[in-house]
Amino acid sequence: TNMVAAGYCLYSATTVLVLTMGNGVHGFTLDPDSNTFMQTHPNMCIPNVGHIYSFNEAYFRSYSEPVQKFLNNMKAAGTMK
């Protein structure tokens, strides 16, 4: 079978659903009054440049060699905080 969608949901003071169906990534926030998700973050993307980059290194050893190399280069350059 082919994957048709992917996403995740964050539960906190507000509930946010992030979803892609293969054409862009969109964020939806739950409106508790109407009990429906409203599109609040259309066409989400990672900025090309940023001041802080974070990465979960708990599984660093399980990442592929190119990913490990990338992370090591970022740390050596002092770009990770």
PDB file of N, CA and C in Angstrom:
ATOM      1  N   THR A   1       0.841  -1.189   0.000  1.00  0.00           N
ATOM      2  CA  THR A   1       0.000   0.000   0.000  1.00  0.00           C
ATOM      3  C   THR A   1       0.878   1.242   0.000  1.00  0.00           C
ATOM      4  N   ASN A   2       0.348   2.329  -0.498  1.00  0.00           N
ATOM      5  CA  ASN A   2       1.049   3.607  -0.508  1.00  0.00           C
ATOM      6  C   ASN A   2       0.539   4.486   0.612  1.00  0.00           C
ATOM      7  N   MET A   3       1.471   5.221   1.237  1.00  0.00           N
ATOM      8  CA  MET A   3       1.073   6.159   2.277  1.00  0.00           C
ATOM      9  C   MET A   3       0.344   7.333   1.624  1.00  0.00           C
ATOM     10  N   VAL A   4      -0.774   7.737   2.195  1.00  0.00           N
ATOM     11  CA  VAL A   4      -1.540   8.842   1.620  1.00  0.00           C
ATOM     12  C   VAL A   4      -1.508  10.083   2.489  1.00  0.00           C
ATOM     13  N   ALA A   5      -1.105   9.954   3.756  1.00  0.00           N
ATOM     14  CA  ALA A   5      -1.057  11.106   4.652  1.00  0.00           C
ATOM     15  C   ALA A   5      -0.113  10.809   5.806  1.00  0.00           C
ATOM     16  N   ALA A   6       0.391  11.877   6.434  1.00  0.00           N
ATOM     17  CA  ALA A   6       1.218  11.751   7.630  1.00  0.00           C
ATOM     18  C   ALA A   6       0.968  12.975   8.488  1.00  0.00           C
ATOM     19  N   GLY A   7       1.097  12.812   9.779  1.00  0.00           N
ATOM     20  CA  GLY A   7       0.886  13.956  10.655  1.00  0.00           C
ATOM     21  C   GLY A   7       1.152  13.615  12.099  1.00  0.00           C
ATOM     22  N   TYR A   8       0.960  14.621  12.931  1.00  0.00           N
ATOM     23  CA  TYR A   8       1.065  14.424  14.374  1.00  0.00           C
ATOM     24  C   TYR A   8       0.154  15.419  15.065  1.00  0.00           C
ATOM     25  N   CYS A   9      -0.150  15.143  16.302  1.00  0.00           N
ATOM     26  CA  CYS A   9      -1.042  15.998  17.077  1.00  0.00           C
ATOM     27  C   CYS A   9      -0.364  16.342  18.395  1.00  0.00           C
ATOM     28  N   LEU A  10      -0.409  17.619  18.780  1.00  0.00           N
ATOM     29  CA  LEU A  10       0.149  18.078  20.044  1.00  0.00           C
ATOM     30  C   LEU A  10      -0.995  18.455  20.976  1.00  0.00           C
ATOM     31  N   TYR A  11      -0.996  17.874  22.155  1.00  0.00           N
ATOM     32  CA  TYR A  11      -2.016  18.182  23.150  1.00  0.00           C
ATOM     33  C   TYR A  11      -1.392  19.019  24.247  1.00  0.00           C
ATOM     34  N   SER A  12      -1.951  20.192  24.497  1.00  0.00           N
ATOM     35  CA  SER A  12      -1.460  21.088  25.538  1.00  0.00           C
ATOM     36  C   SER A  12      -2.600  22.043  25.872  1.00  0.00           C
ATOM     37  N   ALA A  13      -2.260  23.283  26.185  1.00  0.00           N
ATOM     38  CA  ALA A  13      -3.308  24.274  26.424  1.00  0.00           C
ATOM     39  C   ALA A  13      -4.179  24.424  25.177  1.00  0.00           C
ATOM     40  N   THR A  14      -3.543  24.241  24.013  1.00  0.00           N
ATOM     41  CA  THR A  14      -4.283  24.160  22.753  1.00  0.00           C
ATOM     42  C   THR A  14      -3.903  22.850  22.084  1.00  0.00           C
ATOM     43  N   THR A  15      -4.773  22.356  21.245  1.00  0.00           N
ATOM     44  CA  THR A  15      -4.508  21.119  20.519  1.00  0.00           C
ATOM     45  C   THR A  15      -4.233  21.468  19.069  1.00  0.00           C
ATOM     46  N   VAL A  16      -3.076  21.050  18.578  1.00  0.00           N
ATOM     47  CA  VAL A  16      -2.658  21.369  17.221  1.00  0.00           C
ATOM     48  C   VAL A  16      -2.429  20.074  16.455  1.00  0.00           C
ATOM     49  N   LEU A  17      -2.964  20.017  15.244  1.00  0.00           N
ATOM     50  CA  LEU A  17      -2.774  18.897  14.334  1.00  0.00           C
ATOM     51  C   LEU A  17      -1.960  19.385  13.157  1.00  0.00           C
ATOM     52  N   VAL A  18      -0.862  18.711  12.856  1.00  0.00           N
ATOM     53  CA  VAL A  18      -0.036  19.042  11.694  1.00  0.00           C
ATOM     54  C   VAL A  18      -0.180  17.881  10.725  1.00  0.00           C
ATOM     55  N   LEU A  19      -0.501  18.203   9.468  1.00  0.00           N
ATOM     56  CA  LEU A  19      -0.879  17.167   8.517  1.00  0.00           C
ATOM     57  C   LEU A  19      -0.336  17.463   7.121  1.00  0.00           C
ATOM     58  N   THR A  20       0.096  16.417   6.440  1.00  0.00           N
ATOM     59  CA  THR A  20       0.404  16.514   5.022  1.00  0.00           C
ATOM     60  C   THR A  20      -0.290  15.370   4.296  1.00  0.00           C
ATOM     61  N   MET A  21      -0.742  15.665   3.110  1.00  0.00           N
ATOM     62  CA  MET A  21      -1.290  14.630   2.238  1.00  0.00           C
ATOM     63  C   MET A  21      -0.501  14.624   0.940  1.00  0.00           C
ATOM     64  N   GLY A  22       0.792  15.022   1.059  1.00  0.00           N
ATOM     65  CA  GLY A  22       1.698  14.977  -0.067  1.00  0.00           C
ATOM     66  C   GLY A  22       1.871  16.278  -0.809  1.00  0.00           C
ATOM     67  N   ASN A  23       1.127  17.304  -0.436  1.00  0.00           N
ATOM     68  CA  ASN A  23       1.226  18.584  -1.135  1.00  0.00           C
ATOM     69  C   ASN A  23       1.250  19.701  -0.101  1.00  0.00           C
ATOM     70  N   GLY A  24       2.379  19.879   0.567  1.00  0.00           N
ATOM     71  CA  GLY A  24       2.494  20.904   1.596  1.00  0.00           C
ATOM     72  C   GLY A  24       2.155  20.356   2.973  1.00  0.00           C
ATOM     73  N   VAL A  25       2.564  21.116   3.980  1.00  0.00           N
ATOM     74  CA  VAL A  25       2.300  20.762   5.373  1.00  0.00           C
ATOM     75  C   VAL A  25       1.453  21.872   5.968  1.00  0.00           C
ATOM     76  N   HIS A  26       0.381  21.496   6.639  1.00  0.00           N
ATOM     77  CA  HIS A  26      -0.568  22.479   7.158  1.00  0.00           C
ATOM     78  C   HIS A  26      -0.866  22.196   8.620  1.00  0.00           C
ATOM     79  N   GLY A  27      -1.033  23.261   9.413  1.00  0.00           N
ATOM     80  CA  GLY A  27      -1.333  23.138  10.830  1.00  0.00           C
ATOM     81  C   GLY A  27      -2.764  23.565  11.111  1.00  0.00           C
ATOM     82  N   PHE A  28      -3.409  22.821  11.991  1.00  0.00           N
ATOM     83  CA  PHE A  28      -4.796  23.083  12.360  1.00  0.00           C
ATOM     84  C   PHE A  28      -4.880  23.144  13.880  1.00  0.00           C
ATOM     85  N   THR A  29      -5.627  24.115  14.402  1.00  0.00           N
ATOM     86  CA  THR A  29      -5.808  24.275  15.839  1.00  0.00           C
ATOM     87  C   THR A  29      -7.246  23.946  16.192  1.00  0.00           C
ATOM     88  N   LEU A  30      -7.428  23.173  17.262  1.00  0.00           N
ATOM     89  CA  LEU A  30      -8.761  22.786  17.692  1.00  0.00           C
ATOM     90  C   LEU A  30      -9.477  23.967  18.318  1.00  0.00           C
ATOM     91  N   ASP A  31     -10.651  24.284  17.799  1.00  0.00           N
ATOM     92  CA  ASP A  31     -11.526  25.300  18.384  1.00  0.00           C
ATOM     93  C   ASP A  31     -12.437  24.572  19.368  1.00  0.00           C
ATOM     94  N   PRO A  32     -12.225  24.757  20.678  1.00  0.00           N
ATOM     95  CA  PRO A  32     -13.002  23.991  21.648  1.00  0.00           C
ATOM     96  C   PRO A  32     -14.493  24.346  21.651  1.00  0.00           C
ATOM     97  N   ASP A  33     -14.841  25.547  21.208  1.00  0.00           N
ATOM     98  CA  ASP A  33     -16.256  25.937  21.189  1.00  0.00           C
ATOM     99  C   ASP A  33     -17.038  25.163  20.136  1.00  0.00           C
ATOM    100  N   SER A  34     -16.431  24.994  18.948  1.00  0.00           N
ATOM    101  CA  SER A  34     -17.137  24.288  17.875  1.00  0.00           C
ATOM    102  C   SER A  34     -16.676  22.833  17.750  1.00  0.00           C
ATOM    103  N   ASN A  35     -15.621  22.470  18.516  1.00  0.00           N
ATOM    104  CA  ASN A  35     -15.065  21.124  18.484  1.00  0.00           C
ATOM    105  C   ASN A  35     -14.605  20.723  17.077  1.00  0.00           C
ATOM    106  N   THR A  36     -14.040  21.688  16.351  1.00  0.00           N
ATOM    107  CA  THR A  36     -13.522  21.436  15.012  1.00  0.00           C
ATOM    108  C   THR A  36     -12.109  22.019  14.901  1.00  0.00           C
ATOM    109  N   PHE A  37     -11.345  21.454  13.990  1.00  0.00           N
ATOM    110  CA  PHE A  37     -10.005  21.970  13.727  1.00  0.00           C
ATOM    111  C   PHE A  37     -10.085  23.053  12.666  1.00  0.00           C
ATOM    112  N   MET A  38      -9.468  24.193  12.941  1.00  0.00           N
ATOM    113  CA  MET A  38      -9.421  25.317  12.015  1.00  0.00           C
ATOM    114  C   MET A  38      -7.994  25.436  11.486  1.00  0.00           C
ATOM    115  N   GLN A  39      -7.849  25.666  10.178  1.00  0.00           N
ATOM    116  CA  GLN A  39      -6.509  25.811   9.608  1.00  0.00           C
ATOM    117  C   GLN A  39      -5.918  27.134  10.077  1.00  0.00           C
ATOM    118  N   THR A  40      -4.838  27.046  10.838  1.00  0.00           N
ATOM    119  CA  THR A  40      -4.202  28.237  11.401  1.00  0.00           C
ATOM    120  C   THR A  40      -2.765  28.427  10.921  1.00  0.00           C
ATOM    121  N   HIS A  41      -2.192  27.403  10.320  1.00  0.00           N
ATOM    122  CA  HIS A  41      -0.803  27.468   9.852  1.00  0.00           C
ATOM    123  C   HIS A  41      -0.699  26.839   8.458  1.00  0.00           C
ATOM    124  N   PRO A  42      -1.120  27.557   7.433  1.00  0.00           N
ATOM    125  CA  PRO A  42      -1.035  26.994   6.076  1.00  0.00           C
ATOM    126  C   PRO A  42       0.407  26.983   5.573  1.00  0.00           C
ATOM    127  N   ASN A  43       0.718  25.990   4.774  1.00  0.00           N
ATOM    128  CA  ASN A  43       2.023  25.906   4.095  1.00  0.00           C
ATOM    129  C   ASN A  43       3.205  26.089   5.034  1.00  0.00           C
ATOM    130  N   MET A  44       3.234  25.290   6.092  1.00  0.00           N
ATOM    131  CA  MET A  44       4.338  25.369   7.058  1.00  0.00           C
ATOM    132  C   MET A  44       5.620  24.862   6.409  1.00  0.00           C
ATOM    133  N   CYS A  45       6.755  25.480   6.775  1.00  0.00           N
ATOM    134  CA  CYS A  45       8.046  25.005   6.281  1.00  0.00           C
ATOM    135  C   CYS A  45       9.137  25.399   7.265  1.00  0.00           C
ATOM    136  N   ILE A  46      10.254  24.722   7.178  1.00  0.00           N
ATOM    137  CA  ILE A  46      11.405  25.032   8.007  1.00  0.00           C
ATOM    138  C   ILE A  46      12.144  26.192   7.353  1.00  0.00           C
ATOM    139  N   PRO A  47      12.479  27.239   8.111  1.00  0.00           N
ATOM    140  CA  PRO A  47      13.206  28.365   7.515  1.00  0.00           C
ATOM    141  C   PRO A  47      14.585  27.935   7.017  1.00  0.00           C
ATOM    142  N   ASN A  48      15.043  28.585   5.964  1.00  0.00           N
ATOM    143  CA  ASN A  48      16.369  28.276   5.412  1.00  0.00           C
ATOM    144  C   ASN A  48      17.478  28.622   6.393  1.00  0.00           C
ATOM    145  N   VAL A  49      17.285  29.676   7.186  1.00  0.00           N
ATOM    146  CA  VAL A  49      18.293  30.145   8.124  1.00  0.00           C
ATOM    147  C   VAL A  49      17.627  30.387   9.467  1.00  0.00           C
ATOM    148  N   GLY A  50      18.321  30.032  10.525  1.00  0.00           N
ATOM    149  CA  GLY A  50      17.802  30.279  11.858  1.00  0.00           C
ATOM    150  C   GLY A  50      18.937  30.458  12.841  1.00  0.00           C
ATOM    151  N   HIS A  51      18.617  30.990  14.007  1.00  0.00           N
ATOM    152  CA  HIS A  51      19.641  31.231  15.019  1.00  0.00           C
ATOM    153  C   HIS A  51      19.853  30.016  15.913  1.00  0.00           C
ATOM    154  N   ILE A  52      18.837  29.179  16.043  1.00  0.00           N
ATOM    155  CA  ILE A  52      18.942  28.006  16.901  1.00  0.00           C
ATOM    156  C   ILE A  52      18.503  26.780  16.115  1.00  0.00           C
ATOM    157  N   TYR A  53      19.276  25.743  16.227  1.00  0.00           N
ATOM    158  CA  TYR A  53      18.937  24.477  15.597  1.00  0.00           C
ATOM    159  C   TYR A  53      18.984  23.427  16.690  1.00  0.00           C
ATOM    160  N   SER A  54      17.932  22.657  16.833  1.00  0.00           N
ATOM    161  CA  SER A  54      17.952  21.617  17.858  1.00  0.00           C
ATOM    162  C   SER A  54      17.653  20.268  17.224  1.00  0.00           C
ATOM    163  N   PHE A  55      18.201  19.236  17.827  1.00  0.00           N
ATOM    164  CA  PHE A  55      18.058  17.901  17.287  1.00  0.00           C
ATOM    165  C   PHE A  55      18.083  16.929  18.453  1.00  0.00           C
ATOM    166  N   ASN A  56      17.213  15.954  18.459  1.00  0.00           N
ATOM    167  CA  ASN A  56      17.190  14.959  19.514  1.00  0.00           C
ATOM    168  C   ASN A  56      18.311  13.957  19.272  1.00  0.00           C
ATOM    169  N   GLU A  57      19.350  14.058  20.074  1.00  0.00           N
ATOM    170  CA  GLU A  57      20.508  13.191  19.884  1.00  0.00           C
ATOM    171  C   GLU A  57      20.449  11.917  20.726  1.00  0.00           C
ATOM    172  N   ALA A  58      19.320  11.631  21.318  1.00  0.00           N
ATOM    173  CA  ALA A  58      19.208  10.429  22.145  1.00  0.00           C
ATOM    174  C   ALA A  58      19.523   9.171  21.349  1.00  0.00           C
ATOM    175  N   TYR A  59      19.228   9.195  20.070  1.00  0.00           N
ATOM    176  CA  TYR A  59      19.459   8.028  19.216  1.00  0.00           C
ATOM    177  C   TYR A  59      20.558   8.295  18.185  1.00  0.00           C
ATOM    178  N   PHE A  60      21.488   9.173  18.541  1.00  0.00           N
ATOM    179  CA  PHE A  60      22.537   9.577  17.609  1.00  0.00           C
ATOM    180  C   PHE A  60      23.207   8.377  16.941  1.00  0.00           C
ATOM    181  N   ARG A  61      23.523   7.353  17.713  1.00  0.00           N
ATOM    182  CA  ARG A  61      24.243   6.194  17.165  1.00  0.00           C
ATOM    183  C   ARG A  61      23.397   5.390  16.181  1.00  0.00           C
ATOM    184  N   SER A  62      22.077   5.558  16.241  1.00  0.00           N
ATOM    185  CA  SER A  62      21.222   4.809  15.317  1.00  0.00           C
ATOM    186  C   SER A  62      20.972   5.572  14.014  1.00  0.00           C
ATOM    187  N   TYR A  63      21.397   6.831  13.950  1.00  0.00           N
ATOM    188  CA  TYR A  63      21.223   7.603  12.718  1.00  0.00           C
ATOM    189  C   TYR A  63      22.209   7.124  11.663  1.00  0.00           C
ATOM    190  N   SER A  64      21.860   7.336  10.411  1.00  0.00           N
ATOM    191  CA  SER A  64      22.752   6.958   9.317  1.00  0.00           C
ATOM    192  C   SER A  64      24.030   7.793   9.387  1.00  0.00           C
ATOM    193  N   GLU A  65      25.076   7.281   8.767  1.00  0.00           N
ATOM    194  CA  GLU A  65      26.362   7.982   8.793  1.00  0.00           C
ATOM    195  C   GLU A  65      26.272   9.410   8.241  1.00  0.00           C
ATOM    196  N   PRO A  66      25.547   9.655   7.139  1.00  0.00           N
ATOM    197  CA  PRO A  66      25.453  11.040   6.650  1.00  0.00           C
ATOM    198  C   PRO A  66      24.793  11.981   7.667  1.00  0.00           C
ATOM    199  N   VAL A  67      23.801  11.501   8.394  1.00  0.00           N
ATOM    200  CA  VAL A  67      23.140  12.348   9.400  1.00  0.00           C
ATOM    201  C   VAL A  67      24.102  12.611  10.557  1.00  0.00           C
ATOM    202  N   GLN A  68      24.814  11.585  11.007  1.00  0.00           N
ATOM    203  CA  GLN A  68      25.795  11.776  12.075  1.00  0.00           C
ATOM    204  C   GLN A  68      26.872  12.773  11.653  1.00  0.00           C
ATOM    205  N   LYS A  69      27.320  12.659  10.416  1.00  0.00           N
ATOM    206  CA  LYS A  69      28.341  13.566   9.895  1.00  0.00           C
ATOM    207  C   LYS A  69      27.822  15.006   9.868  1.00  0.00           C
ATOM    208  N   PHE A  70      26.575  15.184   9.423  1.00  0.00           N
ATOM    209  CA  PHE A  70      25.960  16.510   9.389  1.00  0.00           C
ATOM    210  C   PHE A  70      25.911  17.113  10.788  1.00  0.00           C
ATOM    211  N   LEU A  71      25.435  16.345  11.765  1.00  0.00           N
ATOM    212  CA  LEU A  71      25.341  16.849  13.138  1.00  0.00           C
ATOM    213  C   LEU A  71      26.713  17.188  13.703  1.00  0.00           C
ATOM    214  N   ASN A  72      27.685  16.327  13.457  1.00  0.00           N
ATOM    215  CA  ASN A  72      29.040  16.609  13.939  1.00  0.00           C
ATOM    216  C   ASN A  72      29.592  17.880  13.306  1.00  0.00           C
ATOM    217  N   ASN A  73      29.338  18.100  12.021  1.00  0.00           N
ATOM    218  CA  ASN A  73      29.801  19.324  11.352  1.00  0.00           C
ATOM    219  C   ASN A  73      29.118  20.558  11.922  1.00  0.00           C
ATOM    220  N   MET A  74      27.823  20.438  12.219  1.00  0.00           N
ATOM    221  CA  MET A  74      27.098  21.577  12.803  1.00  0.00           C
ATOM    222  C   MET A  74      27.688  21.930  14.172  1.00  0.00           C
ATOM    223  N   LYS A  75      27.948  20.909  14.976  1.00  0.00           N
ATOM    224  CA  LYS A  75      28.516  21.157  16.310  1.00  0.00           C
ATOM    225  C   LYS A  75      29.925  21.735  16.207  1.00  0.00           C
ATOM    226  N   ALA A  76      30.723  21.222  15.289  1.00  0.00           N
ATOM    227  CA  ALA A  76      32.106  21.717  15.138  1.00  0.00           C
ATOM    228  C   ALA A  76      32.135  23.161  14.673  1.00  0.00           C
ATOM    229  N   ALA A  77      31.153  23.537  13.867  1.00  0.00           N
ATOM    230  CA  ALA A  77      31.095  24.913  13.356  1.00  0.00           C
ATOM    231  C   ALA A  77      30.522  25.870  14.405  1.00  0.00           C
ATOM    232  N   GLY A  78      30.005  25.327  15.510  1.00  0.00           N
ATOM    233  CA  GLY A  78      29.432  26.188  16.549  1.00  0.00           C
ATOM    234  C   GLY A  78      28.071  26.735  16.196  1.00  0.00           C
ATOM    235  N   THR A  79      27.383  26.081  15.260  1.00  0.00           N
ATOM    236  CA  THR A  79      26.090  26.600  14.840  1.00  0.00           C
ATOM    237  C   THR A  79      24.935  26.019  15.644  1.00  0.00           C
ATOM    238  N   MET A  80      25.196  24.968  16.418  1.00  0.00           N
ATOM    239  CA  MET A  80      24.132  24.376  17.222  1.00  0.00           C
ATOM    240  C   MET A  80      24.174  24.970  18.622  1.00  0.00           C
ATOM    241  N   LYS A  81      23.018  25.216  19.179  1.00  0.00           N
ATOM    242  CA  LYS A  81      22.913  25.753  20.546  1.00  0.00           C
ATOM    243  C   LYS A  81      22.004  24.869  21.339  1.00  0.00           C
TER     244      LYS A  81
END
